[in-house]
Amino acid sequence: MGLLGWVIMGLAIWHFTIWLPDRFWGGIVGALIGSLVGSIVVGLIIYGIKVSALRVPGERATDIAVVLYAVPGALIGMGLVYLEGIRRERSGGVA
């Protein structure tokens, strides 16, 4: 259940990219992938630190705090994809 929460949170944050210039590497799909991968990886890391084991939380272990672990990961993931898109745009490649 925790993984589902992280994916849904990453997807929800991704929706706010409509207000940003489209400089993401891979366009809006690149932003989606960055958001989802970032939210899953960081959510897993934060939860792993909390329980001292690298595992996905089950139904009973998932609460609002566990779902919110995905927020920094989604922002970091989209930020990295955005910066890579800007770098490729400046070097003359297609973003």
N, C-alpha and C. Protein backbone atom coordinates (compact mmCIF):
# COMPACT_ATOMS: atom_id res chain seq x y z
N MET A 1 0.81 -1.19 0.00
CA MET A 1 0.00 0.00 0.00
C MET A 1 0.86 1.26 0.00
N GLY A 2 2.00 1.18 0.64
CA GLY A 2 2.87 2.34 0.67
C GLY A 2 3.35 2.72 -0.72
N LEU A 3 3.67 1.73 -1.53
CA LEU A 3 4.12 1.99 -2.90
C LEU A 3 3.02 2.67 -3.70
N LEU A 4 1.80 2.22 -3.54
CA LEU A 4 0.67 2.85 -4.22
C LEU A 4 0.52 4.31 -3.78
N GLY A 5 0.66 4.56 -2.49
CA GLY A 5 0.60 5.93 -1.98
C GLY A 5 1.69 6.81 -2.55
N TRP A 6 2.91 6.27 -2.65
CA TRP A 6 4.01 7.06 -3.20
C TRP A 6 3.78 7.38 -4.67
N VAL A 7 3.30 6.41 -5.43
CA VAL A 7 3.03 6.63 -6.86
C VAL A 7 1.93 7.67 -7.04
N ILE A 8 0.86 7.57 -6.28
CA ILE A 8 -0.24 8.53 -6.39
C ILE A 8 0.22 9.93 -5.99
N MET A 9 1.06 10.04 -4.97
CA MET A 9 1.56 11.35 -4.56
C MET A 9 2.47 11.93 -5.63
N GLY A 10 3.33 11.12 -6.22
CA GLY A 10 4.17 11.59 -7.32
C GLY A 10 3.35 12.04 -8.51
N LEU A 11 2.31 11.30 -8.81
CA LEU A 11 1.41 11.66 -9.91
C LEU A 11 0.69 12.97 -9.62
N ALA A 12 0.25 13.16 -8.39
CA ALA A 12 -0.45 14.39 -8.02
C ALA A 12 0.47 15.60 -8.14
N ILE A 13 1.71 15.47 -7.69
CA ILE A 13 2.65 16.59 -7.79
C ILE A 13 3.01 16.86 -9.23
N TRP A 14 3.11 15.83 -10.04
CA TRP A 14 3.43 15.99 -11.46
C TRP A 14 2.41 16.87 -12.16
N HIS A 15 1.15 16.83 -11.74
CA HIS A 15 0.12 17.63 -12.38
C HIS A 15 0.41 19.13 -12.31
N PHE A 16 1.20 19.57 -11.36
CA PHE A 16 1.52 20.99 -11.23
C PHE A 16 2.56 21.46 -12.24
N THR A 17 3.12 20.56 -13.03
CA THR A 17 4.12 20.97 -14.03
C THR A 17 3.50 21.72 -15.19
N ILE A 18 2.19 21.79 -15.28
CA ILE A 18 1.58 22.55 -16.37
C ILE A 18 1.88 24.03 -16.25
N TRP A 19 2.25 24.50 -15.06
CA TRP A 19 2.57 25.91 -14.88
C TRP A 19 4.05 26.23 -15.08
N LEU A 20 4.83 25.24 -15.45
CA LEU A 20 6.26 25.45 -15.69
C LEU A 20 6.55 25.43 -17.18
N PRO A 21 7.60 26.14 -17.60
CA PRO A 21 8.00 26.04 -19.01
C PRO A 21 8.41 24.60 -19.33
N ASP A 22 8.09 24.16 -20.53
CA ASP A 22 8.37 22.77 -20.91
C ASP A 22 9.82 22.61 -21.33
N ARG A 23 10.69 22.52 -20.34
CA ARG A 23 12.11 22.30 -20.60
C ARG A 23 12.56 20.97 -20.02
N PHE A 24 11.62 20.14 -19.66
CA PHE A 24 11.96 18.84 -19.10
C PHE A 24 12.58 17.96 -20.17
N TRP A 25 13.57 17.16 -19.78
CA TRP A 25 14.18 16.20 -20.68
C TRP A 25 13.13 15.14 -20.97
N GLY A 26 12.71 15.02 -22.19
CA GLY A 26 11.65 14.10 -22.56
C GLY A 26 10.27 14.72 -22.47
N GLY A 27 10.20 16.02 -22.26
CA GLY A 27 8.92 16.70 -22.22
C GLY A 27 8.12 16.35 -20.97
N ILE A 28 6.82 16.37 -21.12
CA ILE A 28 5.95 16.12 -19.98
C ILE A 28 6.03 14.67 -19.52
N VAL A 29 6.33 13.76 -20.44
CA VAL A 29 6.49 12.35 -20.07
C VAL A 29 7.77 12.18 -19.25
N GLY A 30 8.82 12.91 -19.59
CA GLY A 30 10.04 12.87 -18.80
C GLY A 30 9.80 13.37 -17.39
N ALA A 31 8.98 14.43 -17.26
CA ALA A 31 8.63 14.94 -15.94
C ALA A 31 7.85 13.90 -15.14
N LEU A 32 6.95 13.19 -15.81
CA LEU A 32 6.18 12.14 -15.14
C LEU A 32 7.09 11.02 -14.63
N ILE A 33 8.00 10.58 -15.48
CA ILE A 33 8.91 9.51 -15.08
C ILE A 33 9.82 9.96 -13.94
N GLY A 34 10.33 11.19 -14.02
CA GLY A 34 11.16 11.72 -12.95
C GLY A 34 10.41 11.81 -11.63
N SER A 35 9.17 12.24 -11.70
CA SER A 35 8.35 12.35 -10.50
C SER A 35 8.07 10.99 -9.88
N LEU A 36 7.70 10.03 -10.71
CA LEU A 36 7.37 8.70 -10.19
C LEU A 36 8.60 7.98 -9.63
N VAL A 37 9.69 8.01 -10.38
CA VAL A 37 10.91 7.34 -9.90
C VAL A 37 11.42 8.00 -8.63
N GLY A 38 11.43 9.34 -8.61
CA GLY A 38 11.89 10.05 -7.43
C GLY A 38 11.04 9.77 -6.21
N SER A 39 9.72 9.77 -6.38
CA SER A 39 8.84 9.53 -5.23
C SER A 39 8.99 8.11 -4.69
N ILE A 40 9.15 7.14 -5.56
CA ILE A 40 9.31 5.76 -5.11
C ILE A 40 10.65 5.56 -4.41
N VAL A 41 11.72 6.05 -5.02
CA VAL A 41 13.06 5.84 -4.45
C VAL A 41 13.21 6.54 -3.11
N VAL A 42 12.84 7.81 -3.05
CA VAL A 42 13.00 8.55 -1.79
C VAL A 42 12.03 8.04 -0.73
N GLY A 43 10.82 7.70 -1.11
CA GLY A 43 9.88 7.11 -0.15
C GLY A 43 10.43 5.83 0.44
N LEU A 44 11.01 4.99 -0.40
CA LEU A 44 11.60 3.73 0.07
C LEU A 44 12.79 3.99 0.98
N ILE A 45 13.62 4.96 0.64
CA ILE A 45 14.78 5.28 1.48
C ILE A 45 14.35 5.81 2.84
N ILE A 46 13.42 6.77 2.85
CA ILE A 46 12.98 7.35 4.13
C ILE A 46 12.31 6.29 5.00
N TYR A 47 11.45 5.48 4.40
CA TYR A 47 10.79 4.43 5.19
C TYR A 47 11.81 3.39 5.66
N GLY A 48 12.79 3.09 4.83
CA GLY A 48 13.83 2.15 5.22
C GLY A 48 14.65 2.65 6.40
N ILE A 49 14.91 3.95 6.43
CA ILE A 49 15.63 4.53 7.56
C ILE A 49 14.77 4.46 8.82
N LYS A 50 13.48 4.70 8.66
CA LYS A 50 12.56 4.71 9.81
C LYS A 50 12.45 3.33 10.46
N VAL A 51 12.34 2.28 9.66
CA VAL A 51 12.13 0.94 10.23
C VAL A 51 13.39 0.08 10.22
N SER A 52 14.49 0.61 9.75
CA SER A 52 15.78 -0.10 9.69
C SER A 52 15.74 -1.34 8.82
N ALA A 53 14.91 -1.32 7.79
CA ALA A 53 14.84 -2.42 6.83
C ALA A 53 14.32 -1.85 5.51
N LEU A 54 14.94 -2.26 4.43
CA LEU A 54 14.54 -1.76 3.12
C LEU A 54 13.37 -2.59 2.60
N ARG A 55 12.16 -2.11 2.88
CA ARG A 55 10.95 -2.81 2.43
C ARG A 55 9.83 -1.80 2.19
N VAL A 56 8.84 -2.22 1.44
CA VAL A 56 7.68 -1.39 1.15
C VAL A 56 6.66 -1.59 2.26
N PRO A 57 6.11 -0.51 2.83
CA PRO A 57 5.14 -0.67 3.91
C PRO A 57 3.85 -1.31 3.43
N GLY A 58 3.30 -2.16 4.27
CA GLY A 58 2.05 -2.83 3.95
C GLY A 58 0.85 -1.97 4.31
N GLU A 59 -0.32 -2.58 4.26
CA GLU A 59 -1.56 -1.83 4.49
C GLU A 59 -1.63 -1.25 5.90
N ARG A 60 -1.24 -2.01 6.88
CA ARG A 60 -1.32 -1.53 8.27
C ARG A 60 -0.23 -0.50 8.60
N ALA A 61 0.86 -0.54 7.90
CA ALA A 61 1.96 0.39 8.17
C ALA A 61 1.85 1.68 7.38
N THR A 62 0.90 1.79 6.48
CA THR A 62 0.77 2.97 5.64
C THR A 62 -0.19 3.96 6.29
N ASP A 63 0.33 5.17 6.53
CA ASP A 63 -0.50 6.26 7.01
C ASP A 63 -0.15 7.52 6.22
N ILE A 64 -0.71 8.64 6.61
CA ILE A 64 -0.50 9.87 5.84
C ILE A 64 0.98 10.28 5.84
N ALA A 65 1.67 10.04 6.94
CA ALA A 65 3.08 10.40 7.00
C ALA A 65 3.90 9.58 6.01
N VAL A 66 3.61 8.31 5.88
CA VAL A 66 4.33 7.45 4.94
C VAL A 66 4.08 7.90 3.51
N VAL A 67 2.86 8.29 3.21
CA VAL A 67 2.55 8.77 1.86
C VAL A 67 3.28 10.08 1.57
N LEU A 68 3.41 10.94 2.58
CA LEU A 68 4.09 12.22 2.38
C LEU A 68 5.59 12.08 2.20
N TYR A 69 6.15 10.90 2.47
CA TYR A 69 7.57 10.68 2.20
C TYR A 69 7.89 10.87 0.72
N ALA A 70 6.91 10.75 -0.13
CA ALA A 70 7.13 10.83 -1.58
C ALA A 70 7.30 12.26 -2.07
N VAL A 71 6.88 13.25 -1.31
CA VAL A 71 6.90 14.64 -1.79
C VAL A 71 8.31 15.11 -2.13
N PRO A 72 9.29 15.00 -1.23
CA PRO A 72 10.62 15.47 -1.62
C PRO A 72 11.20 14.69 -2.80
N GLY A 73 10.91 13.42 -2.87
CA GLY A 73 11.42 12.61 -3.97
C GLY A 73 10.85 13.02 -5.31
N ALA A 74 9.56 13.31 -5.34
CA ALA A 74 8.93 13.76 -6.59
C ALA A 74 9.53 15.08 -7.04
N LEU A 75 9.73 16.00 -6.10
CA LEU A 75 10.30 17.30 -6.45
C LEU A 75 11.75 17.17 -6.91
N ILE A 76 12.52 16.34 -6.24
CA ILE A 76 13.91 16.12 -6.64
C ILE A 76 13.97 15.46 -8.01
N GLY A 77 13.16 14.44 -8.23
CA GLY A 77 13.14 13.75 -9.51
C GLY A 77 12.79 14.67 -10.66
N MET A 78 11.75 15.47 -10.48
CA MET A 78 11.37 16.42 -11.54
C MET A 78 12.42 17.50 -11.71
N GLY A 79 13.04 17.92 -10.61
CA GLY A 79 14.09 18.92 -10.70
C GLY A 79 15.29 18.43 -11.49
N LEU A 80 15.68 17.18 -11.28
CA LEU A 80 16.80 16.62 -12.03
C LEU A 80 16.49 16.50 -13.52
N VAL A 81 15.27 16.08 -13.83
CA VAL A 81 14.87 15.96 -15.24
C VAL A 81 14.80 17.34 -15.89
N TYR A 82 14.35 18.34 -15.14
CA TYR A 82 14.28 19.71 -15.65
C TYR A 82 15.68 20.25 -15.92
N LEU A 83 16.58 20.06 -14.97
CA LEU A 83 17.95 20.55 -15.15
C LEU A 83 18.65 19.85 -16.32
N GLU A 84 18.41 18.57 -16.49
CA GLU A 84 18.99 17.84 -17.63
C GLU A 84 18.41 18.37 -18.94
N GLY A 85 17.14 18.70 -18.96
CA GLY A 85 16.53 19.27 -20.16
C GLY A 85 17.12 20.63 -20.50
N ILE A 86 17.35 21.46 -19.50
CA ILE A 86 17.98 22.76 -19.74
C ILE A 86 19.40 22.57 -20.24
N ARG A 87 20.14 21.63 -19.65
CA ARG A 87 21.52 21.39 -20.08
C ARG A 87 21.56 20.95 -21.54
N ARG A 88 20.68 20.05 -21.93
CA ARG A 88 20.65 19.58 -23.31
C ARG A 88 20.19 20.66 -24.27
N GLU A 89 19.28 21.51 -23.82
CA GLU A 89 18.80 22.61 -24.66
C GLU A 89 19.92 23.60 -24.94
N ARG A 90 20.72 23.89 -23.93
CA ARG A 90 21.82 24.85 -24.10
C ARG A 90 22.94 24.28 -24.95
N SER A 91 23.13 22.97 -24.91
CA SER A 91 24.21 22.37 -25.69
C SER A 91 23.81 22.17 -27.15
N GLY A 92 22.57 22.51 -27.48
CA GLY A 92 22.14 22.41 -28.87
C GLY A 92 21.39 21.15 -29.21
N GLY A 93 21.23 20.26 -28.24
CA GLY A 93 20.49 19.03 -28.48
C GLY A 93 19.00 19.25 -28.31
N VAL A 94 18.25 18.26 -28.68
CA VAL A 94 16.80 18.33 -28.52
C VAL A 94 16.45 17.90 -27.11
N ALA A 95 15.59 18.66 -26.44
CA ALA A 95 15.21 18.35 -25.05
C ALA A 95 14.22 17.23 -24.98
